[in-house]
Amino acid sequence: MLIAKREEIKRRRLEAGLNQKQLSQKAGLPANAICRIEKGENEQTHPLRARVIAKALHCKLDDIFYEAKSEADPK
């Protein structure tokens, strides 16, 4: 699972001139998906969902998401 860089997603979305609903539609996601991510309501995001958001924002996945550390992961 991935964790959203919420402020970076918002910055890139605004830079692209999109509101949350428009970005959700462009990414093929439910209308409130970006709102929930930017508010932090979705603690973790599925990699497939993260990829379509990155594609819609014309950026790399790791520009706007980072990998969640597993509690079992000793790193």
N, C-alpha and C. Protein backbone atom coordinates (compact mmCIF):
# COMPACT_ATOMS: atom_id res chain seq x y z
N MET A 1 0.84 -1.18 0.00
CA MET A 1 0.00 0.00 0.00
C MET A 1 0.89 1.25 0.00
N LEU A 2 0.31 2.33 -0.46
CA LEU A 2 1.05 3.58 -0.58
C LEU A 2 0.41 4.68 0.25
N ILE A 3 1.23 5.62 0.68
CA ILE A 3 0.78 6.78 1.44
C ILE A 3 0.88 8.00 0.52
N ALA A 4 -0.18 8.78 0.49
CA ALA A 4 -0.22 9.97 -0.36
C ALA A 4 0.60 11.11 0.23
N LYS A 5 1.31 11.80 -0.65
CA LYS A 5 1.93 13.08 -0.29
C LYS A 5 0.84 14.11 -0.58
N ARG A 6 -0.03 14.29 0.38
CA ARG A 6 -1.28 15.03 0.16
C ARG A 6 -1.06 16.44 -0.37
N GLU A 7 -0.14 17.17 0.22
CA GLU A 7 0.10 18.54 -0.23
C GLU A 7 0.66 18.58 -1.65
N GLU A 8 1.46 17.60 -1.99
CA GLU A 8 2.03 17.55 -3.33
C GLU A 8 0.95 17.22 -4.37
N ILE A 9 0.05 16.32 -4.03
CA ILE A 9 -1.06 16.02 -4.94
C ILE A 9 -1.90 17.27 -5.15
N LYS A 10 -2.20 17.96 -4.08
CA LYS A 10 -3.01 19.18 -4.19
C LYS A 10 -2.29 20.23 -5.02
N ARG A 11 -1.01 20.41 -4.77
CA ARG A 11 -0.23 21.40 -5.52
C ARG A 11 -0.25 21.11 -7.01
N ARG A 12 0.00 19.85 -7.35
CA ARG A 12 0.03 19.47 -8.77
C ARG A 12 -1.37 19.57 -9.40
N ARG A 13 -2.38 19.23 -8.64
CA ARG A 13 -3.75 19.32 -9.15
C ARG A 13 -4.09 20.77 -9.47
N LEU A 14 -3.80 21.67 -8.54
CA LEU A 14 -4.08 23.08 -8.76
C LEU A 14 -3.25 23.65 -9.91
N GLU A 15 -1.99 23.21 -9.98
CA GLU A 15 -1.11 23.64 -11.07
C GLU A 15 -1.69 23.23 -12.43
N ALA A 16 -2.35 22.07 -12.46
CA ALA A 16 -2.96 21.58 -13.69
C ALA A 16 -4.32 22.24 -13.96
N GLY A 17 -4.78 23.08 -13.02
CA GLY A 17 -6.04 23.77 -13.19
C GLY A 17 -7.26 22.88 -13.01
N LEU A 18 -7.11 21.85 -12.17
CA LEU A 18 -8.20 20.89 -11.94
C LEU A 18 -8.76 21.03 -10.53
N ASN A 19 -10.08 20.85 -10.41
CA ASN A 19 -10.63 20.71 -9.07
C ASN A 19 -10.58 19.22 -8.71
N GLN A 20 -10.95 18.88 -7.49
CA GLN A 20 -10.86 17.49 -7.05
C GLN A 20 -11.71 16.56 -7.89
N LYS A 21 -12.92 16.99 -8.19
CA LYS A 21 -13.83 16.16 -8.98
C LYS A 21 -13.28 15.94 -10.39
N GLN A 22 -12.72 16.96 -10.99
CA GLN A 22 -12.16 16.84 -12.34
C GLN A 22 -10.99 15.85 -12.36
N LEU A 23 -10.13 15.93 -11.34
CA LEU A 23 -9.01 14.99 -11.28
C LEU A 23 -9.52 13.57 -11.07
N SER A 24 -10.50 13.40 -10.22
CA SER A 24 -11.08 12.06 -10.02
C SER A 24 -11.59 11.51 -11.34
N GLN A 25 -12.31 12.34 -12.09
CA GLN A 25 -12.86 11.91 -13.37
C GLN A 25 -11.75 11.59 -14.37
N LYS A 26 -10.74 12.43 -14.42
CA LYS A 26 -9.61 12.22 -15.34
C LYS A 26 -8.88 10.91 -15.02
N ALA A 27 -8.83 10.57 -13.74
CA ALA A 27 -8.17 9.33 -13.32
C ALA A 27 -9.11 8.13 -13.37
N GLY A 28 -10.41 8.38 -13.66
CA GLY A 28 -11.37 7.28 -13.72
C GLY A 28 -11.74 6.74 -12.35
N LEU A 29 -11.76 7.62 -11.37
CA LEU A 29 -12.06 7.23 -9.99
C LEU A 29 -13.39 7.83 -9.56
N PRO A 30 -13.97 7.33 -8.44
CA PRO A 30 -15.20 7.93 -7.93
C PRO A 30 -15.01 9.43 -7.69
N ALA A 31 -16.07 10.19 -7.79
CA ALA A 31 -16.02 11.65 -7.74
C ALA A 31 -15.34 12.20 -6.48
N ASN A 32 -15.48 11.53 -5.36
CA ASN A 32 -14.91 12.05 -4.11
C ASN A 32 -13.56 11.42 -3.74
N ALA A 33 -12.97 10.65 -4.63
CA ALA A 33 -11.72 9.93 -4.31
C ALA A 33 -10.58 10.89 -3.97
N ILE A 34 -10.39 11.91 -4.78
CA ILE A 34 -9.28 12.83 -4.55
C ILE A 34 -9.52 13.65 -3.27
N CYS A 35 -10.75 14.03 -3.04
CA CYS A 35 -11.10 14.74 -1.81
C CYS A 35 -10.69 13.93 -0.59
N ARG A 36 -11.05 12.67 -0.58
CA ARG A 36 -10.72 11.80 0.56
C ARG A 36 -9.21 11.66 0.73
N ILE A 37 -8.49 11.53 -0.38
CA ILE A 37 -7.04 11.39 -0.30
C ILE A 37 -6.40 12.68 0.21
N GLU A 38 -6.80 13.83 -0.34
CA GLU A 38 -6.22 15.10 0.08
C GLU A 38 -6.53 15.43 1.54
N LYS A 39 -7.68 15.02 2.03
CA LYS A 39 -8.06 15.26 3.43
C LYS A 39 -7.38 14.27 4.37
N GLY A 40 -6.83 13.20 3.84
CA GLY A 40 -6.19 12.19 4.68
C GLY A 40 -7.17 11.17 5.22
N GLU A 41 -8.37 11.14 4.66
CA GLU A 41 -9.37 10.17 5.11
C GLU A 41 -8.98 8.75 4.70
N ASN A 42 -8.27 8.63 3.60
CA ASN A 42 -7.74 7.33 3.17
C ASN A 42 -6.28 7.29 3.60
N GLU A 43 -6.00 6.59 4.68
CA GLU A 43 -4.64 6.52 5.19
C GLU A 43 -3.70 5.91 4.16
N GLN A 44 -4.15 4.85 3.51
CA GLN A 44 -3.33 4.19 2.50
C GLN A 44 -4.11 4.08 1.20
N THR A 45 -3.36 4.10 0.11
CA THR A 45 -3.96 4.05 -1.22
C THR A 45 -3.44 2.83 -1.95
N HIS A 46 -4.32 2.13 -2.62
CA HIS A 46 -3.93 0.96 -3.40
C HIS A 46 -3.03 1.40 -4.54
N PRO A 47 -1.98 0.64 -4.85
CA PRO A 47 -1.05 1.02 -5.92
C PRO A 47 -1.71 1.28 -7.29
N LEU A 48 -2.75 0.53 -7.62
CA LEU A 48 -3.40 0.75 -8.91
C LEU A 48 -4.09 2.12 -8.94
N ARG A 49 -4.72 2.48 -7.86
CA ARG A 49 -5.38 3.78 -7.75
C ARG A 49 -4.32 4.89 -7.78
N ALA A 50 -3.23 4.68 -7.08
CA ALA A 50 -2.15 5.68 -7.06
C ALA A 50 -1.58 5.89 -8.46
N ARG A 51 -1.42 4.81 -9.21
CA ARG A 51 -0.87 4.92 -10.57
C ARG A 51 -1.76 5.76 -11.48
N VAL A 52 -3.07 5.57 -11.41
CA VAL A 52 -3.95 6.34 -12.30
C VAL A 52 -3.96 7.82 -11.91
N ILE A 53 -3.79 8.11 -10.62
CA ILE A 53 -3.70 9.51 -10.20
C ILE A 53 -2.41 10.13 -10.73
N ALA A 54 -1.31 9.42 -10.59
CA ALA A 54 -0.03 9.92 -11.11
C ALA A 54 -0.11 10.13 -12.62
N LYS A 55 -0.70 9.20 -13.31
CA LYS A 55 -0.83 9.33 -14.77
C LYS A 55 -1.67 10.55 -15.12
N ALA A 56 -2.77 10.77 -14.40
CA ALA A 56 -3.65 11.91 -14.66
C ALA A 56 -2.94 13.23 -14.38
N LEU A 57 -1.99 13.22 -13.45
CA LEU A 57 -1.23 14.43 -13.12
C LEU A 57 0.08 14.54 -13.90
N HIS A 58 0.33 13.57 -14.77
CA HIS A 58 1.53 13.56 -15.61
C HIS A 58 2.81 13.63 -14.76
N CYS A 59 2.87 12.74 -13.76
CA CYS A 59 4.05 12.69 -12.92
C CYS A 59 4.37 11.24 -12.58
N LYS A 60 5.49 11.04 -11.92
CA LYS A 60 5.88 9.70 -11.48
C LYS A 60 5.13 9.36 -10.20
N LEU A 61 4.91 8.09 -10.01
CA LEU A 61 4.22 7.60 -8.82
C LEU A 61 4.90 8.10 -7.54
N ASP A 62 6.24 8.00 -7.49
CA ASP A 62 6.93 8.39 -6.26
C ASP A 62 7.01 9.90 -6.06
N ASP A 63 6.53 10.68 -7.03
CA ASP A 63 6.43 12.13 -6.83
C ASP A 63 5.29 12.47 -5.86
N ILE A 64 4.25 11.62 -5.84
CA ILE A 64 3.06 11.95 -5.05
C ILE A 64 2.64 10.88 -4.04
N PHE A 65 3.36 9.76 -4.03
CA PHE A 65 3.08 8.70 -3.06
C PHE A 65 4.40 8.11 -2.57
N TYR A 66 4.38 7.54 -1.37
CA TYR A 66 5.53 6.78 -0.90
C TYR A 66 5.02 5.47 -0.30
N GLU A 67 5.91 4.51 -0.23
CA GLU A 67 5.52 3.19 0.22
C GLU A 67 5.35 3.15 1.73
N ALA A 68 4.24 2.55 2.15
CA ALA A 68 3.97 2.40 3.58
C ALA A 68 4.89 1.32 4.15
N LYS A 69 5.46 1.60 5.29
CA LYS A 69 6.31 0.62 5.96
C LYS A 69 5.43 -0.35 6.73
N SER A 70 5.70 -1.61 6.55
CA SER A 70 4.98 -2.64 7.28
C SER A 70 5.46 -2.64 8.73
N GLU A 71 4.52 -2.88 9.65
CA GLU A 71 4.91 -2.97 11.06
C GLU A 71 5.84 -4.16 11.30
N ALA A 72 5.75 -5.16 10.45
CA ALA A 72 6.61 -6.32 10.57
C ALA A 72 7.98 -6.05 9.95
N ASP A 73 8.10 -4.96 9.18
CA ASP A 73 9.34 -4.60 8.52
C ASP A 73 10.29 -3.98 9.55
N PRO A 74 11.44 -4.60 9.81
CA PRO A 74 12.35 -4.10 10.85
C PRO A 74 13.10 -2.84 10.44
N LYS A 75 12.96 -2.38 9.20
CA LYS A 75 13.74 -1.22 8.74
C LYS A 75 13.27 0.04 9.37
